[in-house]
């Protein structure tokens, strides 16, 4: 006599994505890293000797005005032009 074992092949897979709690506990909250005004967020850490600051929205702000967003996106430096490089309309 042959017995067959029935196993459930309906395995449920769950993936738990761990989300980091937001660093910003301010009210009203600071702009998110995706916002155009992300640089207005409050400082969490400031290291001028190393040339960078961490904002409460997770953005690393560099002294050359470059940025590293929490998702790994790089924002190129965007220093304002000096007065000698500004063109005026005639």
PDB file of N, CA and C in Angstrom:
ATOM      1  N   UNK A   1       0.831  -1.161   0.000  1.00  0.00           N
ATOM      2  CA  UNK A   1       0.000   0.000   0.000  1.00  0.00           C
ATOM      3  C   UNK A   1       0.889   1.242   0.000  1.00  0.00           C
ATOM      4  N   UNK A   2       0.570   2.139  -0.849  1.00  0.00           N
ATOM      5  CA  UNK A   2       1.342   3.366  -0.974  1.00  0.00           C
ATOM      6  C   UNK A   2       0.535   4.519  -0.386  1.00  0.00           C
ATOM      7  N   UNK A   3       1.187   5.262   0.493  1.00  0.00           N
ATOM      8  CA  UNK A   3       0.506   6.425   1.048  1.00  0.00           C
ATOM      9  C   UNK A   3       1.125   7.681   0.450  1.00  0.00           C
ATOM     10  N   UNK A   4       0.307   8.593   0.165  1.00  0.00           N
ATOM     11  CA  UNK A   4       0.813   9.858  -0.362  1.00  0.00           C
ATOM     12  C   UNK A   4       0.591  10.938   0.683  1.00  0.00           C
ATOM     13  N   UNK A   5       1.578  11.669   0.846  1.00  0.00           N
ATOM     14  CA  UNK A   5       1.508  12.756   1.804  1.00  0.00           C
ATOM     15  C   UNK A   5       1.117  14.019   1.062  1.00  0.00           C
ATOM     16  N   UNK A   6       0.129  14.666   1.554  1.00  0.00           N
ATOM     17  CA  UNK A   6      -0.256  15.904   0.881  1.00  0.00           C
ATOM     18  C   UNK A   6       0.312  17.069   1.675  1.00  0.00           C
ATOM     19  N   UNK A   7       1.108  17.832   1.003  1.00  0.00           N
ATOM     20  CA  UNK A   7       1.711  19.019   1.606  1.00  0.00           C
ATOM     21  C   UNK A   7       1.107  20.231   0.943  1.00  0.00           C
ATOM     22  N   UNK A   8       0.936  21.206   1.706  1.00  0.00           N
ATOM     23  CA  UNK A   8       0.380  22.431   1.151  1.00  0.00           C
ATOM     24  C   UNK A   8       1.462  23.153   0.357  1.00  0.00           C
ATOM     25  N   UNK A   9       1.146  23.429  -0.877  1.00  0.00           N
ATOM     26  CA  UNK A   9       2.095  24.170  -1.708  1.00  0.00           C
ATOM     27  C   UNK A   9       1.706  25.649  -1.775  1.00  0.00           C
ATOM     28  N   UNK A  10       0.722  26.000  -0.983  1.00  0.00           N
ATOM     29  CA  UNK A  10       0.282  27.393  -0.952  1.00  0.00           C
ATOM     30  C   UNK A  10       1.058  28.152   0.119  1.00  0.00           C
ATOM     31  N   UNK A  11       2.331  28.166  -0.018  1.00  0.00           N
ATOM     32  CA  UNK A  11       3.169  28.867   0.960  1.00  0.00           C
ATOM     33  C   UNK A  11       2.963  30.363   0.805  1.00  0.00           C
ATOM     34  N   UNK A  12       2.696  30.983   1.889  1.00  0.00           N
ATOM     35  CA  UNK A  12       2.500  32.433   1.862  1.00  0.00           C
ATOM     36  C   UNK A  12       3.812  33.100   2.213  1.00  0.00           C
ATOM     37  N   UNK A  13       4.260  33.898   1.318  1.00  0.00           N
ATOM     38  CA  UNK A  13       5.515  34.612   1.568  1.00  0.00           C
ATOM     39  C   UNK A  13       5.171  36.052   1.898  1.00  0.00           C
ATOM     40  N   UNK A  14       5.716  36.486   2.981  1.00  0.00           N
ATOM     41  CA  UNK A  14       5.512  37.880   3.343  1.00  0.00           C
ATOM     42  C   UNK A  14       6.868  38.534   3.449  1.00  0.00           C
ATOM     43  N   UNK A  15       6.924  39.692   2.916  1.00  0.00           N
ATOM     44  CA  UNK A  15       8.157  40.460   3.040  1.00  0.00           C
ATOM     45  C   UNK A  15       7.844  41.676   3.871  1.00  0.00           C
ATOM     46  N   UNK A  16       8.611  41.847   4.882  1.00  0.00           N
ATOM     47  CA  UNK A  16       8.391  43.022   5.714  1.00  0.00           C
ATOM     48  C   UNK A  16       9.453  44.044   5.376  1.00  0.00           C
ATOM     49  N   UNK A  17       8.993  45.158   4.909  1.00  0.00           N
ATOM     50  CA  UNK A  17       9.922  46.229   4.607  1.00  0.00           C
ATOM     51  C   UNK A  17      10.038  47.086   5.847  1.00  0.00           C
ATOM     52  N   UNK A  18      11.229  47.187   6.334  1.00  0.00           N
ATOM     53  CA  UNK A  18      11.462  47.972   7.528  1.00  0.00           C
ATOM     54  C   UNK A  18      11.676  49.418   7.124  1.00  0.00           C
ATOM     55  N   UNK A  19      10.827  50.242   7.620  1.00  0.00           N
ATOM     56  CA  UNK A  19      10.951  51.658   7.318  1.00  0.00           C
ATOM     57  C   UNK A  19      11.599  52.340   8.503  1.00  0.00           C
ATOM     58  N   UNK A  20      12.564  53.185   8.193  1.00  0.00           N
ATOM     59  CA  UNK A  20      13.194  53.941   9.253  1.00  0.00           C
ATOM     60  C   UNK A  20      12.225  55.004   9.738  1.00  0.00           C
ATOM     61  N   UNK A  21      12.169  55.208  11.032  1.00  0.00           N
ATOM     62  CA  UNK A  21      11.292  56.267  11.516  1.00  0.00           C
ATOM     63  C   UNK A  21      11.802  57.612  11.013  1.00  0.00           C
ATOM     64  N   UNK A  22      10.900  58.523  10.759  1.00  0.00           N
ATOM     65  CA  UNK A  22      11.352  59.823  10.264  1.00  0.00           C
ATOM     66  C   UNK A  22      12.222  60.510  11.307  1.00  0.00           C
ATOM     67  N   UNK A  23      13.270  61.169  10.827  1.00  0.00           N
ATOM     68  CA  UNK A  23      14.179  61.853  11.735  1.00  0.00           C
ATOM     69  C   UNK A  23      13.550  63.152  12.225  1.00  0.00           C
ATOM     70  N   UNK A  24      12.656  63.721  11.450  1.00  0.00           N
ATOM     71  CA  UNK A  24      12.071  65.014  11.778  1.00  0.00           C
ATOM     72  C   UNK A  24      10.905  64.832  12.738  1.00  0.00           C
ATOM     73  N   UNK A  25      11.042  65.399  13.905  1.00  0.00           N
ATOM     74  CA  UNK A  25       9.973  65.364  14.893  1.00  0.00           C
ATOM     75  C   UNK A  25       9.386  66.760  15.103  1.00  0.00           C
ATOM     76  N   UNK A  26       9.688  67.688  14.192  1.00  0.00           N
ATOM     77  CA  UNK A  26       9.227  69.066  14.326  1.00  0.00           C
ATOM     78  C   UNK A  26       7.766  69.199  13.934  1.00  0.00           C
ATOM     79  N   UNK A  27       7.127  70.220  14.476  1.00  0.00           N
ATOM     80  CA  UNK A  27       5.771  70.569  14.085  1.00  0.00           C
ATOM     81  C   UNK A  27       5.759  72.025  13.695  1.00  0.00           C
ATOM     82  N   UNK A  28       5.423  72.394  12.520  1.00  0.00           N
ATOM     83  CA  UNK A  28       5.129  71.538  11.382  1.00  0.00           C
ATOM     84  C   UNK A  28       6.402  70.838  10.913  1.00  0.00           C
ATOM     85  N   UNK A  29       6.238  69.690  10.276  1.00  0.00           N
ATOM     86  CA  UNK A  29       7.416  68.923   9.854  1.00  0.00           C
ATOM     87  C   UNK A  29       8.233  69.649   8.792  1.00  0.00           C
ATOM     88  N   UNK A  30       9.510  69.351   8.785  1.00  0.00           N
ATOM     89  CA  UNK A  30      10.411  69.922   7.783  1.00  0.00           C
ATOM     90  C   UNK A  30      10.076  69.360   6.402  1.00  0.00           C
ATOM     91  N   UNK A  31      10.525  70.039   5.337  1.00  0.00           N
ATOM     92  CA  UNK A  31      10.290  69.525   3.978  1.00  0.00           C
ATOM     93  C   UNK A  31      10.948  68.156   3.805  1.00  0.00           C
ATOM     94  N   UNK A  32      10.332  67.312   3.018  1.00  0.00           N
ATOM     95  CA  UNK A  32      10.888  65.988   2.762  1.00  0.00           C
ATOM     96  C   UNK A  32      12.092  66.091   1.832  1.00  0.00           C
ATOM     97  N   UNK A  33      12.819  64.999   1.710  1.00  0.00           N
ATOM     98  CA  UNK A  33      13.994  64.963   0.835  1.00  0.00           C
ATOM     99  C   UNK A  33      13.601  65.108  -0.628  1.00  0.00           C
ATOM    100  N   UNK A  34      12.358  64.796  -0.967  1.00  0.00           N
ATOM    101  CA  UNK A  34      11.890  64.897  -2.348  1.00  0.00           C
ATOM    102  C   UNK A  34      11.379  66.295  -2.685  1.00  0.00           C
ATOM    103  N   UNK A  35      11.204  67.145  -1.681  1.00  0.00           N
ATOM    104  CA  UNK A  35      10.681  68.496  -1.898  1.00  0.00           C
ATOM    105  C   UNK A  35      11.725  69.397  -2.542  1.00  0.00           C
ATOM    106  N   UNK A  36      11.256  70.384  -3.256  1.00  0.00           N
ATOM    107  CA  UNK A  36      12.172  71.346  -3.879  1.00  0.00           C
ATOM    108  C   UNK A  36      12.888  72.184  -2.823  1.00  0.00           C
ATOM    109  N   UNK A  37      12.255  72.384  -1.676  1.00  0.00           N
ATOM    110  CA  UNK A  37      12.856  73.190  -0.611  1.00  0.00           C
ATOM    111  C   UNK A  37      13.486  72.327   0.488  1.00  0.00           C
ATOM    112  N   UNK A  38      14.011  71.159   0.105  1.00  0.00           N
ATOM    113  CA  UNK A  38      14.580  70.204   1.060  1.00  0.00           C
ATOM    114  C   UNK A  38      15.710  70.783   1.897  1.00  0.00           C
ATOM    115  N   UNK A  39      16.412  71.790   1.382  1.00  0.00           N
ATOM    116  CA  UNK A  39      17.542  72.376   2.108  1.00  0.00           C
ATOM    117  C   UNK A  39      17.088  73.208   3.301  1.00  0.00           C
ATOM    118  N   UNK A  40      15.783  73.464   3.422  1.00  0.00           N
ATOM    119  CA  UNK A  40      15.252  74.246   4.537  1.00  0.00           C
ATOM    120  C   UNK A  40      15.041  73.399   5.789  1.00  0.00           C
ATOM    121  N   UNK A  41      15.295  72.101   5.719  1.00  0.00           N
ATOM    122  CA  UNK A  41      15.126  71.227   6.876  1.00  0.00           C
ATOM    123  C   UNK A  41      16.153  71.566   7.953  1.00  0.00           C
ATOM    124  N   UNK A  42      15.837  71.217   9.174  1.00  0.00           N
ATOM    125  CA  UNK A  42      16.716  71.512  10.307  1.00  0.00           C
ATOM    126  C   UNK A  42      17.967  70.640  10.301  1.00  0.00           C
ATOM    127  N   UNK A  43      19.037  71.192  10.858  1.00  0.00           N
ATOM    128  CA  UNK A  43      20.302  70.454  10.967  1.00  0.00           C
ATOM    129  C   UNK A  43      20.221  69.419  12.077  1.00  0.00           C
ATOM    130  N   UNK A  44      20.734  68.238  11.794  1.00  0.00           N
ATOM    131  CA  UNK A  44      20.863  67.189  12.797  1.00  0.00           C
ATOM    132  C   UNK A  44      22.322  67.094  13.216  1.00  0.00           C
ATOM    133  N   UNK A  45      23.216  67.173  12.240  1.00  0.00           N
ATOM    134  CA  UNK A  45      24.662  67.123  12.499  1.00  0.00           C
ATOM    135  C   UNK A  45      25.346  68.086  11.542  1.00  0.00           C
ATOM    136  N   UNK A  46      26.352  68.776  12.064  1.00  0.00           N
ATOM    137  CA  UNK A  46      27.067  69.764  11.259  1.00  0.00           C
ATOM    138  C   UNK A  46      28.561  69.546  11.461  1.00  0.00           C
ATOM    139  N   UNK A  47      29.274  69.271  10.391  1.00  0.00           N
ATOM    140  CA  UNK A  47      30.717  69.025  10.449  1.00  0.00           C
ATOM    141  C   UNK A  47      31.426  69.907   9.429  1.00  0.00           C
ATOM    142  N   UNK A  48      31.599  71.193   9.740  1.00  0.00           N
ATOM    143  CA  UNK A  48      32.229  72.105   8.778  1.00  0.00           C
ATOM    144  C   UNK A  48      33.676  71.733   8.489  1.00  0.00           C
ATOM    145  N   UNK A  49      34.342  71.085   9.434  1.00  0.00           N
ATOM    146  CA  UNK A  49      35.724  70.673   9.198  1.00  0.00           C
ATOM    147  C   UNK A  49      35.809  69.579   8.139  1.00  0.00           C
ATOM    148  N   UNK A  50      34.713  68.852   7.940  1.00  0.00           N
ATOM    149  CA  UNK A  50      34.668  67.812   6.913  1.00  0.00           C
ATOM    150  C   UNK A  50      33.855  68.245   5.697  1.00  0.00           C
ATOM    151  N   UNK A  51      33.168  69.369   5.813  1.00  0.00           N
ATOM    152  CA  UNK A  51      32.461  69.924   4.669  1.00  0.00           C
ATOM    153  C   UNK A  51      31.070  69.371   4.427  1.00  0.00           C
ATOM    154  N   UNK A  52      30.406  68.846   5.467  1.00  0.00           N
ATOM    155  CA  UNK A  52      29.066  68.321   5.254  1.00  0.00           C
ATOM    156  C   UNK A  52      28.178  68.538   6.464  1.00  0.00           C
ATOM    157  N   UNK A  53      26.876  68.474   6.200  1.00  0.00           N
ATOM    158  CA  UNK A  53      25.858  68.577   7.239  1.00  0.00           C
ATOM    159  C   UNK A  53      24.760  67.570   6.931  1.00  0.00           C
ATOM    160  N   UNK A  54      24.151  67.039   7.975  1.00  0.00           N
ATOM    161  CA  UNK A  54      23.021  66.121   7.832  1.00  0.00           C
ATOM    162  C   UNK A  54      21.766  66.858   8.253  1.00  0.00           C
ATOM    163  N   UNK A  55      20.782  66.858   7.372  1.00  0.00           N
ATOM    164  CA  UNK A  55      19.507  67.498   7.669  1.00  0.00           C
ATOM    165  C   UNK A  55      18.522  66.465   8.214  1.00  0.00           C
ATOM    166  N   UNK A  56      17.488  66.932   8.905  1.00  0.00           N
ATOM    167  CA  UNK A  56      16.564  65.998   9.548  1.00  0.00           C
ATOM    168  C   UNK A  56      15.703  65.222   8.552  1.00  0.00           C
ATOM    169  N   UNK A  57      15.726  65.582   7.294  1.00  0.00           N
ATOM    170  CA  UNK A  57      15.003  64.809   6.280  1.00  0.00           C
ATOM    171  C   UNK A  57      15.906  63.752   5.634  1.00  0.00           C
ATOM    172  N   UNK A  58      17.127  63.588   6.158  1.00  0.00           N
ATOM    173  CA  UNK A  58      18.028  62.554   5.666  1.00  0.00           C
ATOM    174  C   UNK A  58      18.958  63.006   4.562  1.00  0.00           C
ATOM    175  N   UNK A  59      18.902  64.263   4.173  1.00  0.00           N
ATOM    176  CA  UNK A  59      19.739  64.790   3.100  1.00  0.00           C
ATOM    177  C   UNK A  59      21.118  65.140   3.648  1.00  0.00           C
ATOM    178  N   UNK A  60      22.158  64.684   2.962  1.00  0.00           N
ATOM    179  CA  UNK A  60      23.518  65.120   3.266  1.00  0.00           C
ATOM    180  C   UNK A  60      23.799  66.323   2.386  1.00  0.00           C
ATOM    181  N   UNK A  61      24.093  67.437   3.022  1.00  0.00           N
ATOM    182  CA  UNK A  61      24.340  68.682   2.311  1.00  0.00           C
ATOM    183  C   UNK A  61      25.825  68.988   2.406  1.00  0.00           C
ATOM    184  N   UNK A  62      26.483  69.171   1.265  1.00  0.00           N
ATOM    185  CA  UNK A  62      27.916  69.426   1.237  1.00  0.00           C
ATOM    186  C   UNK A  62      28.187  70.910   1.068  1.00  0.00           C
ATOM    187  N   UNK A  63      29.356  71.350   1.528  1.00  0.00           N
ATOM    188  CA  UNK A  63      29.665  72.783   1.499  1.00  0.00           C
ATOM    189  C   UNK A  63      29.754  73.348   0.080  1.00  0.00           C
ATOM    190  N   UNK A  64      29.970  72.499  -0.907  1.00  0.00           N
ATOM    191  CA  UNK A  64      29.996  72.987  -2.293  1.00  0.00           C
ATOM    192  C   UNK A  64      28.588  73.069  -2.883  1.00  0.00           C
ATOM    193  N   UNK A  65      27.571  72.900  -2.044  1.00  0.00           N
ATOM    194  CA  UNK A  65      26.140  72.918  -2.355  1.00  0.00           C
ATOM    195  C   UNK A  65      25.656  71.654  -3.057  1.00  0.00           C
ATOM    196  N   UNK A  66      26.488  70.638  -3.161  1.00  0.00           N
ATOM    197  CA  UNK A  66      26.034  69.346  -3.655  1.00  0.00           C
ATOM    198  C   UNK A  66      25.233  68.653  -2.567  1.00  0.00           C
ATOM    199  N   UNK A  67      24.423  67.664  -2.960  1.00  0.00           N
ATOM    200  CA  UNK A  67      23.585  66.959  -2.003  1.00  0.00           C
ATOM    201  C   UNK A  67      23.561  65.473  -2.319  1.00  0.00           C
ATOM    202  N   UNK A  68      23.378  64.686  -1.279  1.00  0.00           N
ATOM    203  CA  UNK A  68      23.153  63.258  -1.419  1.00  0.00           C
ATOM    204  C   UNK A  68      21.832  62.968  -0.727  1.00  0.00           C
ATOM    205  N   UNK A  69      20.851  62.497  -1.508  1.00  0.00           N
ATOM    206  CA  UNK A  69      19.530  62.224  -0.969  1.00  0.00           C
ATOM    207  C   UNK A  69      19.498  60.837  -0.333  1.00  0.00           C
ATOM    208  N   UNK A  70      18.554  60.577   0.564  1.00  0.00           N
ATOM    209  CA  UNK A  70      18.484  59.279   1.233  1.00  0.00           C
ATOM    210  C   UNK A  70      18.325  58.099   0.286  1.00  0.00           C
ATOM    211  N   UNK A  71      17.753  58.312  -0.881  1.00  0.00           N
ATOM    212  CA  UNK A  71      17.576  57.213  -1.840  1.00  0.00           C
ATOM    213  C   UNK A  71      18.822  56.973  -2.693  1.00  0.00           C
ATOM    214  N   UNK A  72      19.910  57.742  -2.428  1.00  0.00           N
ATOM    215  CA  UNK A  72      21.157  57.565  -3.163  1.00  0.00           C
ATOM    216  C   UNK A  72      21.317  58.513  -4.337  1.00  0.00           C
ATOM    217  N   UNK A  73      20.291  59.290  -4.632  1.00  0.00           N
ATOM    218  CA  UNK A  73      20.364  60.246  -5.740  1.00  0.00           C
ATOM    219  C   UNK A  73      21.352  61.356  -5.398  1.00  0.00           C
ATOM    220  N   UNK A  74      22.131  61.743  -6.395  1.00  0.00           N
ATOM    221  CA  UNK A  74      23.126  62.801  -6.222  1.00  0.00           C
ATOM    222  C   UNK A  74      22.619  64.064  -6.889  1.00  0.00           C
ATOM    223  N   UNK A  75      22.668  65.161  -6.152  1.00  0.00           N
ATOM    224  CA  UNK A  75      22.323  66.466  -6.699  1.00  0.00           C
ATOM    225  C   UNK A  75      23.631  67.224  -6.871  1.00  0.00           C
ATOM    226  N   UNK A  76      23.932  67.604  -8.091  1.00  0.00           N
ATOM    227  CA  UNK A  76      25.194  68.299  -8.386  1.00  0.00           C
ATOM    228  C   UNK A  76      25.232  69.648  -7.676  1.00  0.00           C
ATOM    229  N   UNK A  77      26.438  70.128  -7.380  1.00  0.00           N
ATOM    230  CA  UNK A  77      26.559  71.450  -6.756  1.00  0.00           C
ATOM    231  C   UNK A  77      25.840  72.513  -7.593  1.00  0.00           C
ATOM    232  N   UNK A  78      25.203  73.435  -6.902  1.00  0.00           N
ATOM    233  CA  UNK A  78      24.446  74.475  -7.592  1.00  0.00           C
ATOM    234  C   UNK A  78      24.703  75.834  -6.937  1.00  0.00           C
ATOM    235  N   UNK A  79      25.975  76.174  -6.911  1.00  0.00           N
ATOM    236  CA  UNK A  79      26.367  77.471  -6.360  1.00  0.00           C
ATOM    237  C   UNK A  79      25.824  78.591  -7.224  1.00  0.00           C
ATOM    238  N   UNK A  80      25.446  79.686  -6.594  1.00  0.00           N
ATOM    239  CA  UNK A  80      25.012  80.824  -7.407  1.00  0.00           C
ATOM    240  C   UNK A  80      26.205  81.414  -8.148  1.00  0.00           C
ATOM    241  N   UNK A  81      25.935  81.986  -9.290  1.00  0.00           N
ATOM    242  CA  UNK A  81      26.997  82.614 -10.072  1.00  0.00           C
ATOM    243  C   UNK A  81      27.505  83.848  -9.354  1.00  0.00           C
ATOM    244  N   UNK A  82      28.806  84.105  -9.458  1.00  0.00           N
ATOM    245  CA  UNK A  82      29.365  85.322  -8.899  1.00  0.00           C
ATOM    246  C   UNK A  82      28.900  86.521  -9.707  1.00  0.00           C
ATOM    247  N   UNK A  83      29.044  87.703  -9.162  1.00  0.00           N
ATOM    248  CA  UNK A  83      28.557  88.901  -9.865  1.00  0.00           C
ATOM    249  C   UNK A  83      29.286  89.126 -11.166  1.00  0.00           C
ATOM    250  N   UNK A  84      30.520  88.636 -11.283  1.00  0.00           N
ATOM    251  CA  UNK A  84      31.247  88.814 -12.539  1.00  0.00           C
ATOM    252  C   UNK A  84      30.734  87.893 -13.641  1.00  0.00           C
ATOM    253  N   UNK A  85      29.983  86.842 -13.275  1.00  0.00           N
ATOM    254  CA  UNK A  85      29.473  85.887 -14.259  1.00  0.00           C
ATOM    255  C   UNK A  85      28.002  86.102 -14.584  1.00  0.00           C
ATOM    256  N   UNK A  86      27.362  87.042 -13.913  1.00  0.00           N
ATOM    257  CA  UNK A  86      25.953  87.280 -14.151  1.00  0.00           C
ATOM    258  C   UNK A  86      25.780  88.151 -15.382  1.00  0.00           C
ATOM    259  N   UNK A  87      24.929  87.720 -16.281  1.00  0.00           N
ATOM    260  CA  UNK A  87      24.676  88.492 -17.499  1.00  0.00           C
ATOM    261  C   UNK A  87      23.383  89.284 -17.296  1.00  0.00           C
ATOM    262  N   UNK A  88      23.374  90.477 -17.766  1.00  0.00           N
ATOM    263  CA  UNK A  88      22.167  91.286 -17.689  1.00  0.00           C
ATOM    264  C   UNK A  88      21.661  91.559 -19.086  1.00  0.00           C
ATOM    265  N   UNK A  89      20.361  91.707 -19.183  1.00  0.00           N
ATOM    266  CA  UNK A  89      19.762  92.004 -20.482  1.00  0.00           C
ATOM    267  C   UNK A  89      20.025  93.449 -20.854  1.00  0.00           C
ATOM    268  N   UNK A  90      20.276  93.689 -22.142  1.00  0.00           N
ATOM    269  CA  UNK A  90      20.581  95.062 -22.597  1.00  0.00           C
ATOM    270  C   UNK A  90      19.321  95.841 -22.860  1.00  0.00           C
TER     271      UNK A  90
END
